[in-house]
Amino acid sequence: MQNLNSTIHAPNRLQICSILSTSAELEFRLIKEQLDVSDSVLSKHLKVLEDAGYVRLKKRSEFGRPRTWISLTSNGRKAFEEHLESLKAIVGNL
């Protein structure tokens, strides 16, 4: 198989990277709503991506409420783009 990234390839993590690739950073709740998953499911996937160095999580308070903001790191953006190229190569061979 091509150079598929097993960390990114899981469907929810692929969607997270895809969503984040369009913005500088997004709030946890927005990503959760887009994926239609629970807090714990999203947290687990973000932990895997964070451990790989692909996402950065920042805690900030807004209107007295804690919020988590997530962004792709430069390594995460590069890994996501390489993964997309591998997927395109596979599909292009059909």
Protein backbone atom coordinates (compact mmCIF):
# COMPACT_ATOMS: atom_id res chain seq x y z
CA MET A 1 0.00 0.00 0.00
CA GLN A 2 1.05 3.62 -0.46
CA ASN A 3 2.42 5.68 2.43
CA LEU A 4 -0.85 5.80 4.35
CA ASN A 5 -0.49 7.32 7.78
CA SER A 6 -2.12 4.92 10.25
CA THR A 7 -2.47 7.66 12.85
CA ILE A 8 -4.45 9.89 10.52
CA HIS A 9 -6.21 7.14 8.55
CA ALA A 10 -8.83 6.30 11.21
CA PRO A 11 -12.08 7.88 9.95
CA ASN A 12 -12.65 10.28 12.87
CA ARG A 13 -9.01 11.40 12.93
CA LEU A 14 -9.05 11.90 9.17
CA GLN A 15 -12.14 14.08 9.55
CA ILE A 16 -10.55 16.03 12.41
CA CYS A 17 -7.49 16.78 10.28
CA SER A 18 -9.66 17.68 7.33
CA ILE A 19 -11.75 20.10 9.39
CA LEU A 20 -8.67 21.66 11.00
CA SER A 21 -6.87 22.03 7.67
CA THR A 22 -9.30 24.80 6.69
CA SER A 23 -8.80 26.97 9.78
CA ALA A 24 -6.06 28.33 11.99
CA GLU A 25 -7.82 26.83 15.02
CA LEU A 26 -11.24 25.57 15.99
CA GLU A 27 -13.06 25.14 19.28
CA PHE A 28 -13.60 21.62 20.66
CA ARG A 29 -17.41 21.94 20.61
CA LEU A 30 -17.48 22.81 16.91
CA ILE A 31 -15.40 19.76 15.95
CA LYS A 32 -17.54 17.57 18.22
CA GLU A 33 -20.70 18.80 16.47
CA GLN A 34 -19.21 18.27 13.01
CA LEU A 35 -18.22 14.69 13.83
CA ASP A 36 -21.38 13.98 15.85
CA VAL A 37 -19.41 12.18 18.57
CA SER A 38 -19.27 12.35 22.35
CA ASP A 39 -16.75 14.42 24.29
CA SER A 40 -14.87 11.27 25.30
CA VAL A 41 -14.61 9.92 21.74
CA LEU A 42 -13.30 13.24 20.44
CA SER A 43 -10.90 13.56 23.37
CA LYS A 44 -9.44 10.11 22.69
CA HIS A 45 -8.85 10.88 19.01
CA LEU A 46 -7.34 14.28 19.83
CA LYS A 47 -5.00 12.62 22.35
CA VAL A 48 -3.69 10.25 19.65
CA LEU A 49 -3.14 13.17 17.26
CA GLU A 50 -1.55 15.28 20.00
CA ASP A 51 0.80 12.45 21.04
CA ALA A 52 1.89 12.17 17.40
CA GLY A 53 2.60 15.91 17.34
CA TYR A 54 -0.12 16.57 14.77
CA VAL A 55 -2.41 18.84 16.79
CA ARG A 56 -1.97 21.44 19.50
CA LEU A 57 -4.61 21.99 22.19
CA LYS A 58 -4.89 25.32 23.99
CA LYS A 59 -7.15 26.02 26.95
CA ARG A 60 -8.60 29.53 27.16
CA SER A 61 -11.36 31.07 29.19
CA GLU A 62 -14.16 32.88 27.38
CA PHE A 63 -16.87 34.64 29.32
CA GLY A 64 -15.69 32.80 32.42
CA ARG A 65 -16.00 29.37 30.81
CA PRO A 66 -13.04 27.18 29.90
CA ARG A 67 -12.75 26.33 26.20
CA THR A 68 -10.35 24.10 24.32
CA TRP A 69 -9.03 25.31 20.97
CA ILE A 70 -7.38 22.88 18.57
CA SER A 71 -5.04 23.55 15.66
CA LEU A 72 -2.95 21.47 13.29
CA THR A 73 0.79 21.75 13.85
CA SER A 74 3.07 22.20 10.86
CA ASN A 75 3.98 18.49 11.20
CA GLY A 76 0.29 17.62 11.34
CA ARG A 77 -0.50 19.66 8.23
CA LYS A 78 2.40 18.01 6.36
CA ALA A 79 1.37 14.50 7.48
CA PHE A 80 -2.25 15.18 6.48
CA GLU A 81 -1.24 16.47 3.04
CA GLU A 82 1.03 13.44 2.47
CA HIS A 83 -1.79 11.12 3.53
CA LEU A 84 -4.15 12.81 1.07
CA GLU A 85 -1.60 12.38 -1.72
CA SER A 86 -1.36 8.67 -0.89
CA LEU A 87 -5.15 8.34 -1.01
CA LYS A 88 -5.25 10.15 -4.35
CA ALA A 89 -2.57 7.79 -5.71
CA ILE A 90 -4.62 4.78 -4.67
CA VAL A 91 -7.85 6.13 -6.17
CA GLY A 92 -6.02 7.22 -9.32
CA ASN A 93 -4.94 3.63 -9.92
CA LEU A 94 -8.49 2.29 -10.07
